[in-house]
Amino acid sequence: ESNLRIYTMGWYRQAPGKERELVARITSGKS
């Protein structure tokens, strides 16, 4: 969907046996 452009988006990762963690995020203004 294209309306996600208004949201902060994140990349997450999960290694075996570990919880999912946020590694990077970008706001709608690209911060």
Full PDB file with SEQRES, HELIX, SHEET, SSBOND, CRYST1, ORIGX, SCALE, CONECT and MASTER records, all heavy atoms in Angstrom:
SEQRES   1 A   31  GLU SER ASN LEU ARG ILE TYR THR MET GLY TRP TYR ARG          
SEQRES   2 A   31  GLN ALA PRO GLY LYS GLU ARG GLU LEU VAL ALA ARG ILE          
SEQRES   3 A   31  THR SER GLY LYS SER                                          
HELIX    1 AA1 SER A    2  ILE A    6  5                                   5    
SHEET    1 AA1 2 MET A   9  ARG A  13  0                                        
SHEET    2 AA1 2 GLU A  21  ILE A  26 -1                                        
CRYST1    1.000    1.000    1.000  90.00  90.00  90.00 P 1           1          
ORIGX1      1.000000  0.000000  0.000000        0.00000                         
ORIGX2      0.000000  1.000000  0.000000        0.00000                         
ORIGX3      0.000000  0.000000  1.000000        0.00000                         
SCALE1      1.000000  0.000000  0.000000        0.00000                         
SCALE2      0.000000  1.000000  0.000000        0.00000                         
SCALE3      0.000000  0.000000  1.000000        0.00000                         
ATOM      1  N   GLU A   1       0.821  -1.200   0.000  1.00  0.00           N  
ATOM      2  CA  GLU A   1       0.000   0.000   0.000  1.00  0.00           C  
ATOM      3  C   GLU A   1       0.859   1.254   0.000  1.00  0.00           C  
ATOM      4  O   GLU A   1       1.912   1.286   0.638  1.00  0.00           O  
ATOM      5  CB  GLU A   1      -0.938   0.012   1.213  1.00  0.00           C  
ATOM      6  CG  GLU A   1      -1.987  -1.078   1.177  1.00  0.00           C  
ATOM      7  CD  GLU A   1      -3.005  -0.918   2.288  1.00  0.00           C  
ATOM      8  OE1 GLU A   1      -3.022   0.149   2.933  1.00  0.00           O  
ATOM      9  OE2 GLU A   1      -3.784  -1.856   2.503  1.00  0.00           O  
ATOM     10  N   SER A   2       0.395   2.261  -0.679  1.00  0.00           N  
ATOM     11  CA  SER A   2       1.175   3.494  -0.798  1.00  0.00           C  
ATOM     12  C   SER A   2       0.981   4.437   0.382  1.00  0.00           C  
ATOM     13  O   SER A   2       1.789   5.330   0.582  1.00  0.00           O  
ATOM     14  CB  SER A   2       0.803   4.216  -2.092  1.00  0.00           C  
ATOM     15  OG  SER A   2      -0.581   4.570  -2.073  1.00  0.00           O  
ATOM     16  N   ASN A   3      -0.070   4.241   1.186  1.00  0.00           N  
ATOM     17  CA  ASN A   3      -0.290   5.182   2.288  1.00  0.00           C  
ATOM     18  C   ASN A   3       0.741   5.044   3.389  1.00  0.00           C  
ATOM     19  O   ASN A   3       0.785   5.848   4.308  1.00  0.00           O  
ATOM     20  CB  ASN A   3      -1.700   5.041   2.853  1.00  0.00           C  
ATOM     21  CG  ASN A   3      -1.951   3.687   3.478  1.00  0.00           C  
ATOM     22  OD1 ASN A   3      -1.195   2.744   3.251  1.00  0.00           O  
ATOM     23  ND2 ASN A   3      -2.994   3.584   4.274  1.00  0.00           N  
ATOM     24  N   LEU A   4       1.603   4.000   3.291  1.00  0.00           N  
ATOM     25  CA  LEU A   4       2.636   3.837   4.305  1.00  0.00           C  
ATOM     26  C   LEU A   4       3.670   4.946   4.258  1.00  0.00           C  
ATOM     27  O   LEU A   4       4.485   5.064   5.175  1.00  0.00           O  
ATOM     28  CB  LEU A   4       3.321   2.477   4.145  1.00  0.00           C  
ATOM     29  CG  LEU A   4       2.440   1.264   4.453  1.00  0.00           C  
ATOM     30  CD1 LEU A   4       3.236  -0.014   4.268  1.00  0.00           C  
ATOM     31  CD2 LEU A   4       1.868   1.325   5.847  1.00  0.00           C  
ATOM     32  N   ARG A   5       3.619   5.771   3.217  1.00  0.00           N  
ATOM     33  CA  ARG A   5       4.589   6.852   3.119  1.00  0.00           C  
ATOM     34  C   ARG A   5       4.469   7.831   4.273  1.00  0.00           C  
ATOM     35  O   ARG A   5       5.383   8.597   4.535  1.00  0.00           O  
ATOM     36  CB  ARG A   5       4.419   7.581   1.792  1.00  0.00           C  
ATOM     37  CG  ARG A   5       3.090   8.303   1.621  1.00  0.00           C  
ATOM     38  CD  ARG A   5       2.982   8.887   0.216  1.00  0.00           C  
ATOM     39  NE  ARG A   5       3.001   7.829  -0.797  1.00  0.00           N  
ATOM     40  CZ  ARG A   5       3.196   8.073  -2.091  1.00  0.00           C  
ATOM     41  NH1 ARG A   5       3.418   9.294  -2.516  1.00  0.00           N  
ATOM     42  NH2 ARG A   5       3.189   7.084  -2.957  1.00  0.00           N  
ATOM     43  N   ILE A   6       3.341   7.830   4.961  1.00  0.00           N  
ATOM     44  CA  ILE A   6       3.172   8.764   6.077  1.00  0.00           C  
ATOM     45  C   ILE A   6       3.720   8.196   7.383  1.00  0.00           C  
ATOM     46  O   ILE A   6       3.775   8.890   8.391  1.00  0.00           O  
ATOM     47  CB  ILE A   6       1.691   9.145   6.271  1.00  0.00           C  
ATOM     48  CG1 ILE A   6       0.875   7.942   6.753  1.00  0.00           C  
ATOM     49  CG2 ILE A   6       1.126   9.745   4.993  1.00  0.00           C  
ATOM     50  CD1 ILE A   6      -0.559   8.301   7.101  1.00  0.00           C  
ATOM     51  N   TYR A   7       4.112   6.902   7.351  1.00  0.00           N  
ATOM     52  CA  TYR A   7       4.565   6.247   8.573  1.00  0.00           C  
ATOM     53  C   TYR A   7       6.081   6.177   8.663  1.00  0.00           C  
ATOM     54  O   TYR A   7       6.778   6.115   7.653  1.00  0.00           O  
ATOM     55  CB  TYR A   7       4.024   4.821   8.648  1.00  0.00           C  
ATOM     56  CG  TYR A   7       2.532   4.746   8.835  1.00  0.00           C  
ATOM     57  CD1 TYR A   7       1.692   4.393   7.786  1.00  0.00           C  
ATOM     58  CD2 TYR A   7       1.965   5.018  10.068  1.00  0.00           C  
ATOM     59  CE1 TYR A   7       0.329   4.325   7.949  1.00  0.00           C  
ATOM     60  CE2 TYR A   7       0.592   4.947  10.247  1.00  0.00           C  
ATOM     61  CZ  TYR A   7      -0.216   4.603   9.193  1.00  0.00           C  
ATOM     62  OH  TYR A   7      -1.569   4.532   9.363  1.00  0.00           O  
ATOM     63  N   THR A   8       6.576   6.118   9.893  1.00  0.00           N  
ATOM     64  CA  THR A   8       7.957   5.713  10.121  1.00  0.00           C  
ATOM     65  C   THR A   8       8.060   4.226   9.814  1.00  0.00           C  
ATOM     66  O   THR A   8       7.220   3.431  10.251  1.00  0.00           O  
ATOM     67  CB  THR A   8       8.365   5.981  11.574  1.00  0.00           C  
ATOM     68  OG1 THR A   8       8.360   7.406  11.793  1.00  0.00           O  
ATOM     69  CG2 THR A   8       9.748   5.442  11.859  1.00  0.00           C  
ATOM     70  N   MET A   9       9.063   3.861   9.035  1.00  0.00           N  
ATOM     71  CA  MET A   9       9.298   2.469   8.680  1.00  0.00           C  
ATOM     72  C   MET A   9      10.580   1.975   9.341  1.00  0.00           C  
ATOM     73  O   MET A   9      11.517   2.752   9.552  1.00  0.00           O  
ATOM     74  CB  MET A   9       9.414   2.314   7.165  1.00  0.00           C  
ATOM     75  CG  MET A   9       8.134   2.619   6.415  1.00  0.00           C  
ATOM     76  SD  MET A   9       6.792   1.482   6.793  1.00  0.00           S  
ATOM     77  CE  MET A   9       7.487  -0.072   6.231  1.00  0.00           C  
ATOM     78  N   GLY A  10      10.602   0.696   9.645  1.00  0.00           N  
ATOM     79  CA  GLY A  10      11.771   0.134  10.306  1.00  0.00           C  
ATOM     80  C   GLY A  10      12.219  -1.165   9.679  1.00  0.00           C  
ATOM     81  O   GLY A  10      11.418  -1.905   9.100  1.00  0.00           O  
ATOM     82  N   TRP A  11      13.503  -1.428   9.793  1.00  0.00           N  
ATOM     83  CA  TRP A  11      14.068  -2.748   9.510  1.00  0.00           C  
ATOM     84  C   TRP A  11      14.361  -3.402  10.851  1.00  0.00           C  
ATOM     85  O   TRP A  11      14.983  -2.785  11.734  1.00  0.00           O  
ATOM     86  CB  TRP A  11      15.342  -2.650   8.688  1.00  0.00           C  
ATOM     87  CG  TRP A  11      15.111  -2.539   7.225  1.00  0.00           C  
ATOM     88  CD1 TRP A  11      15.144  -1.400   6.461  1.00  0.00           C  
ATOM     89  CD2 TRP A  11      14.817  -3.604   6.311  1.00  0.00           C  
ATOM     90  NE1 TRP A  11      14.884  -1.693   5.161  1.00  0.00           N  
ATOM     91  CE2 TRP A  11      14.675  -3.048   5.030  1.00  0.00           C  
ATOM     92  CE3 TRP A  11      14.653  -4.990   6.463  1.00  0.00           C  
ATOM     93  CZ2 TRP A  11      14.389  -3.810   3.908  1.00  0.00           C  
ATOM     94  CZ3 TRP A  11      14.362  -5.748   5.340  1.00  0.00           C  
ATOM     95  CH2 TRP A  11      14.229  -5.163   4.080  1.00  0.00           C  
ATOM     96  N   TYR A  12      13.924  -4.639  10.978  1.00  0.00           N  
ATOM     97  CA  TYR A  12      14.105  -5.419  12.177  1.00  0.00           C  
ATOM     98  C   TYR A  12      14.871  -6.695  11.816  1.00  0.00           C  
ATOM     99  O   TYR A  12      14.897  -7.096  10.661  1.00  0.00           O  
ATOM    100  CB  TYR A  12      12.751  -5.835  12.757  1.00  0.00           C  
ATOM    101  CG  TYR A  12      11.792  -4.713  13.076  1.00  0.00           C  
ATOM    102  CD1 TYR A  12      11.105  -4.041  12.065  1.00  0.00           C  
ATOM    103  CD2 TYR A  12      11.543  -4.345  14.394  1.00  0.00           C  
ATOM    104  CE1 TYR A  12      10.209  -3.025  12.354  1.00  0.00           C  
ATOM    105  CE2 TYR A  12      10.644  -3.326  14.699  1.00  0.00           C  
ATOM    106  CZ  TYR A  12       9.985  -2.676  13.671  1.00  0.00           C  
ATOM    107  OH  TYR A  12       9.095  -1.668  13.967  1.00  0.00           O  
ATOM    108  N   ARG A  13      15.442  -7.323  12.817  1.00  0.00           N  
ATOM    109  CA  ARG A  13      16.079  -8.618  12.575  1.00  0.00           C  
ATOM    110  C   ARG A  13      15.860  -9.530  13.771  1.00  0.00           C  
ATOM    111  O   ARG A  13      15.668  -9.066  14.899  1.00  0.00           O  
ATOM    112  CB  ARG A  13      17.571  -8.462  12.289  1.00  0.00           C  
ATOM    113  CG  ARG A  13      18.415  -8.003  13.465  1.00  0.00           C  
ATOM    114  CD  ARG A  13      19.852  -7.788  13.008  1.00  0.00           C  
ATOM    115  NE  ARG A  13      20.711  -7.353  14.117  1.00  0.00           N  
ATOM    116  CZ  ARG A  13      21.960  -6.939  13.950  1.00  0.00           C  
ATOM    117  NH1 ARG A  13      22.514  -6.907  12.731  1.00  0.00           N  
ATOM    118  NH2 ARG A  13      22.688  -6.567  14.997  1.00  0.00           N  
ATOM    119  N   GLN A  14      15.892 -10.819  13.484  1.00  0.00           N  
ATOM    120  CA  GLN A  14      15.737 -11.822  14.532  1.00  0.00           C  
ATOM    121  C   GLN A  14      16.715 -12.950  14.278  1.00  0.00           C  
ATOM    122  O   GLN A  14      16.629 -13.642  13.261  1.00  0.00           O  
ATOM    123  CB  GLN A  14      14.307 -12.344  14.592  1.00  0.00           C  
ATOM    124  CG  GLN A  14      14.051 -13.279  15.759  1.00  0.00           C  
ATOM    125  CD  GLN A  14      12.583 -13.580  15.968  1.00  0.00           C  
ATOM    126  OE1 GLN A  14      11.776 -13.442  15.059  1.00  0.00           O  
ATOM    127  NE2 GLN A  14      12.224 -13.970  17.173  1.00  0.00           N  
ATOM    128  N   ALA A  15      17.624 -13.129  15.204  1.00  0.00           N  
ATOM    129  CA  ALA A  15      18.578 -14.225  15.140  1.00  0.00           C  
ATOM    130  C   ALA A  15      18.004 -15.431  15.885  1.00  0.00           C  
ATOM    131  O   ALA A  15      17.149 -15.265  16.763  1.00  0.00           O  
ATOM    132  CB  ALA A  15      19.901 -13.799  15.761  1.00  0.00           C  
ATOM    133  N   PRO A  16      18.445 -16.632  15.565  1.00  0.00           N  
ATOM    134  CA  PRO A  16      17.927 -17.824  16.243  1.00  0.00           C  
ATOM    135  C   PRO A  16      18.071 -17.716  17.749  1.00  0.00           C  
ATOM    136  O   PRO A  16      19.142 -17.367  18.267  1.00  0.00           O  
ATOM    137  CB  PRO A  16      18.795 -18.946  15.677  1.00  0.00           C  
ATOM    138  CG  PRO A  16      19.211 -18.456  14.337  1.00  0.00           C  
ATOM    139  CD  PRO A  16      19.400 -16.971  14.513  1.00  0.00           C  
ATOM    140  N   GLY A  17      16.985 -17.992  18.454  1.00  0.00           N  
ATOM    141  CA  GLY A  17      17.007 -17.969  19.904  1.00  0.00           C  
ATOM    142  C   GLY A  17      16.974 -16.592  20.526  1.00  0.00           C  
ATOM    143  O   GLY A  17      17.057 -16.461  21.751  1.00  0.00           O  
ATOM    144  N   LYS A  18      16.816 -15.559  19.702  1.00  0.00           N  
ATOM    145  CA  LYS A  18      16.799 -14.186  20.222  1.00  0.00           C  
ATOM    146  C   LYS A  18      15.500 -13.491  19.834  1.00  0.00           C  
ATOM    147  O   LYS A  18      14.814 -13.911  18.905  1.00  0.00           O  
ATOM    148  CB  LYS A  18      17.993 -13.400  19.688  1.00  0.00           C  
ATOM    149  CG  LYS A  18      19.335 -13.916  20.165  1.00  0.00           C  
ATOM    150  CD  LYS A  18      20.463 -12.993  19.743  1.00  0.00           C  
ATOM    151  CE  LYS A  18      21.803 -13.460  20.278  1.00  0.00           C  
ATOM    152  NZ  LYS A  18      22.906 -12.543  19.878  1.00  0.00           N  
ATOM    153  N   GLU A  19      15.186 -12.433  20.536  1.00  0.00           N  
ATOM    154  CA  GLU A  19      14.003 -11.653  20.222  1.00  0.00           C  
ATOM    155  C   GLU A  19      14.254 -10.773  18.999  1.00  0.00           C  
ATOM    156  O   GLU A  19      15.393 -10.412  18.696  1.00  0.00           O  
ATOM    157  CB  GLU A  19      13.612 -10.782  21.416  1.00  0.00           C  
ATOM    158  CG  GLU A  19      13.146 -11.564  22.624  1.00  0.00           C  
ATOM    159  CD  GLU A  19      12.603 -10.667  23.723  1.00  0.00           C  
ATOM    160  OE1 GLU A  19      12.687  -9.438  23.592  1.00  0.00           O  
ATOM    161  OE2 GLU A  19      12.095 -11.210  24.722  1.00  0.00           O  
ATOM    162  N   ARG A  20      13.171 -10.438  18.322  1.00  0.00           N  
ATOM    163  CA  ARG A  20      13.279  -9.518  17.187  1.00  0.00           C  
ATOM    164  C   ARG A  20      13.701  -8.144  17.694  1.00  0.00           C  
ATOM    165  O   ARG A  20      13.207  -7.671  18.712  1.00  0.00           O  
ATOM    166  CB  ARG A  20      11.938  -9.429  16.465  1.00  0.00           C  
ATOM    167  CG  ARG A  20      12.044  -8.917  15.043  1.00  0.00           C  
ATOM    168  CD  ARG A  20      10.686  -8.780  14.387  1.00  0.00           C  
ATOM    169  NE  ARG A  20       9.767  -9.817  14.702  1.00  0.00           N  
ATOM    170  CZ  ARG A  20       9.330 -10.753  13.850  1.00  0.00           C  
ATOM    171  NH1 ARG A  20       9.797 -10.748  12.608  1.00  0.00           N  
ATOM    172  NH2 ARG A  20       8.447 -11.657  14.219  1.00  0.00           N  
ATOM    173  N   GLU A  21      14.605  -7.492  16.973  1.00  0.00           N  
ATOM    174  CA  GLU A  21      15.084  -6.184  17.384  1.00  0.00           C  
ATOM    175  C   GLU A  21      15.038  -5.217  16.214  1.00  0.00           C  
ATOM    176  O   GLU A  21      15.204  -5.598  15.064  1.00  0.00           O  
ATOM    177  CB  GLU A  21      16.525  -6.276  17.918  1.00  0.00           C  
ATOM    178  CG  GLU A  21      17.545  -6.727  16.899  1.00  0.00           C  
ATOM    179  CD  GLU A  21      18.982  -6.632  17.393  1.00  0.00           C  
ATOM    180  OE1 GLU A  21      19.249  -5.961  18.403  1.00  0.00           O  
ATOM    181  OE2 GLU A  21      19.863  -7.228  16.733  1.00  0.00           O  
ATOM    182  N   LEU A  22      14.840  -3.946  16.542  1.00  0.00           N  
ATOM    183  CA  LEU A  22      14.853  -2.891  15.544  1.00  0.00           C  
ATOM    184  C   LEU A  22      16.297  -2.494  15.271  1.00  0.00           C  
ATOM    185  O   LEU A  22      17.043  -2.206  16.198  1.00  0.00           O  
ATOM    186  CB  LEU A  22      14.059  -1.689  16.050  1.00  0.00           C  
ATOM    187  CG  LEU A  22      14.029  -0.454  15.164  1.00  0.00           C  
ATOM    188  CD1 LEU A  22      13.188  -0.718  13.918  1.00  0.00           C  
ATOM    189  CD2 LEU A  22      13.472   0.740  15.937  1.00  0.00           C  
ATOM    190  N   VAL A  23      16.686  -2.459  13.996  1.00  0.00           N  
ATOM    191  CA  VAL A  23      18.060  -2.068  13.681  1.00  0.00           C  
ATOM    192  C   VAL A  23      18.144  -0.701  13.024  1.00  0.00           C  
ATOM    193  O   VAL A  23      19.166  -0.034  13.141  1.00  0.00           O  
ATOM    194  CB  VAL A  23      18.771  -3.109  12.795  1.00  0.00           C  
ATOM    195  CG1 VAL A  23      18.917  -4.425  13.537  1.00  0.00           C  
ATOM    196  CG2 VAL A  23      18.044  -3.329  11.486  1.00  0.00           C  
ATOM    197  N   ALA A  24      17.071  -0.270  12.350  1.00  0.00           N  
ATOM    198  CA  ALA A  24      17.099   1.032  11.688  1.00  0.00           C  
ATOM    199  C   ALA A  24      15.674   1.495  11.447  1.00  0.00           C  
ATOM    200  O   ALA A  24      14.778   0.679  11.242  1.00  0.00           O  
ATOM    201  CB  ALA A  24      17.854   0.954  10.364  1.00  0.00           C  
ATOM    202  N   ARG A  25      15.476   2.802  11.462  1.00  0.00           N  
ATOM    203  CA  ARG A  25      14.159   3.348  11.162  1.00  0.00           C  
ATOM    204  C   ARG A  25      14.322   4.628  10.362  1.00  0.00           C  
ATOM    205  O   ARG A  25      15.340   5.312  10.440  1.00  0.00           O  
ATOM    206  CB  ARG A  25      13.361   3.617  12.424  1.00  0.00           C  
ATOM    207  CG  ARG A  25      13.971   4.649  13.350  1.00  0.00           C  
ATOM    208  CD  ARG A  25      13.105   4.844  14.581  1.00  0.00           C  
ATOM    209  NE  ARG A  25      13.671   5.827  15.497  1.00  0.00           N  
ATOM    210  CZ  ARG A  25      13.112   6.173  16.644  1.00  0.00           C  
ATOM    211  NH1 ARG A  25      11.975   5.623  17.020  1.00  0.00           N  
ATOM    212  NH2 ARG A  25      13.687   7.068  17.419  1.00  0.00           N  
ATOM    213  N   ILE A  26      13.269   4.943   9.594  1.00  0.00           N  
ATOM    214  CA  ILE A  26      13.268   6.134   8.772  1.00  0.00           C  
ATOM    215  C   ILE A  26      11.879   6.753   8.844  1.00  0.00           C  
ATOM    216  O   ILE A  26      10.873   6.079   8.653  1.00  0.00           O  
ATOM    217  CB  ILE A  26      13.692   5.816   7.315  1.00  0.00           C  
ATOM    218  CG1 ILE A  26      13.784   7.088   6.482  1.00  0.00           C  
ATOM    219  CG2 ILE A  26      12.780   4.770   6.666  1.00  0.00           C  
ATOM    220  CD1 ILE A  26      14.498   6.871   5.142  1.00  0.00           C  
ATOM    221  N   THR A  27      11.833   8.033   9.117  1.00  0.00           N  
ATOM    222  CA  THR A  27      10.557   8.720   9.244  1.00  0.00           C  
ATOM    223  C   THR A  27       9.997   9.081   7.872  1.00  0.00           C  
ATOM    224  O   THR A  27      10.671   8.930   6.843  1.00  0.00           O  
ATOM    225  CB  THR A  27      10.707   9.991  10.078  1.00  0.00           C  
ATOM    226  OG1 THR A  27      11.501  10.937   9.330  1.00  0.00           O  
ATOM    227  CG2 THR A  27      11.379   9.712  11.415  1.00  0.00           C  
ATOM    228  N   SER A  28       8.790   9.605   7.860  1.00  0.00           N  
ATOM    229  CA  SER A  28       8.192  10.054   6.600  1.00  0.00           C  
ATOM    230  C   SER A  28       9.004  11.193   5.994  1.00  0.00           C  
ATOM    231  O   SER A  28       9.048  11.338   4.774  1.00  0.00           O  
ATOM    232  CB  SER A  28       6.744  10.496   6.829  1.00  0.00           C  
ATOM    233  OG  SER A  28       6.693  11.543   7.785  1.00  0.00           O  
ATOM    234  N   GLY A  29       9.687  11.954   6.856  1.00  0.00           N  
ATOM    235  CA  GLY A  29      10.546  13.035   6.387  1.00  0.00           C  
ATOM    236  C   GLY A  29      11.963  12.600   6.093  1.00  0.00           C  
ATOM    237  O   GLY A  29      12.837  13.417   5.832  1.00  0.00           O  
ATOM    238  N   LYS A  30      12.213  11.277   6.167  1.00  0.00           N  
ATOM    239  CA  LYS A  30      13.493  10.641   5.846  1.00  0.00           C  
ATOM    240  C   LYS A  30      14.588  10.903   6.866  1.00  0.00           C  
ATOM    241  O   LYS A  30      15.776  10.781   6.548  1.00  0.00           O  
ATOM    242  CB  LYS A  30      13.946  10.973   4.423  1.00  0.00           C  
ATOM    243  CG  LYS A  30      12.943  10.502   3.371  1.00  0.00           C  
ATOM    244  CD  LYS A  30      13.449  10.640   1.967  1.00  0.00           C  
ATOM    245  CE  LYS A  30      12.414  10.095   0.973  1.00  0.00           C  
ATOM    246  NZ  LYS A  30      12.863  10.201  -0.430  1.00  0.00           N  
ATOM    247  N   SER A  31      14.214  11.230   8.091  1.00  0.00           N  
ATOM    248  CA  SER A  31      15.186  11.220   9.176  1.00  0.00           C  
ATOM    249  C   SER A  31      15.435   9.773   9.577  1.00  0.00           C  
ATOM    250  O   SER A  31      14.502   8.954   9.562  1.00  0.00           O  
ATOM    251  CB  SER A  31      14.651  12.009  10.375  1.00  0.00           C  
ATOM    252  OG  SER A  31      14.511  13.375  10.053  1.00  0.00           O  
TER     253      SER A  31                                                      
MASTER        0    0    0    1    2    0    0    6  252    1    0    3          
END                                                                             
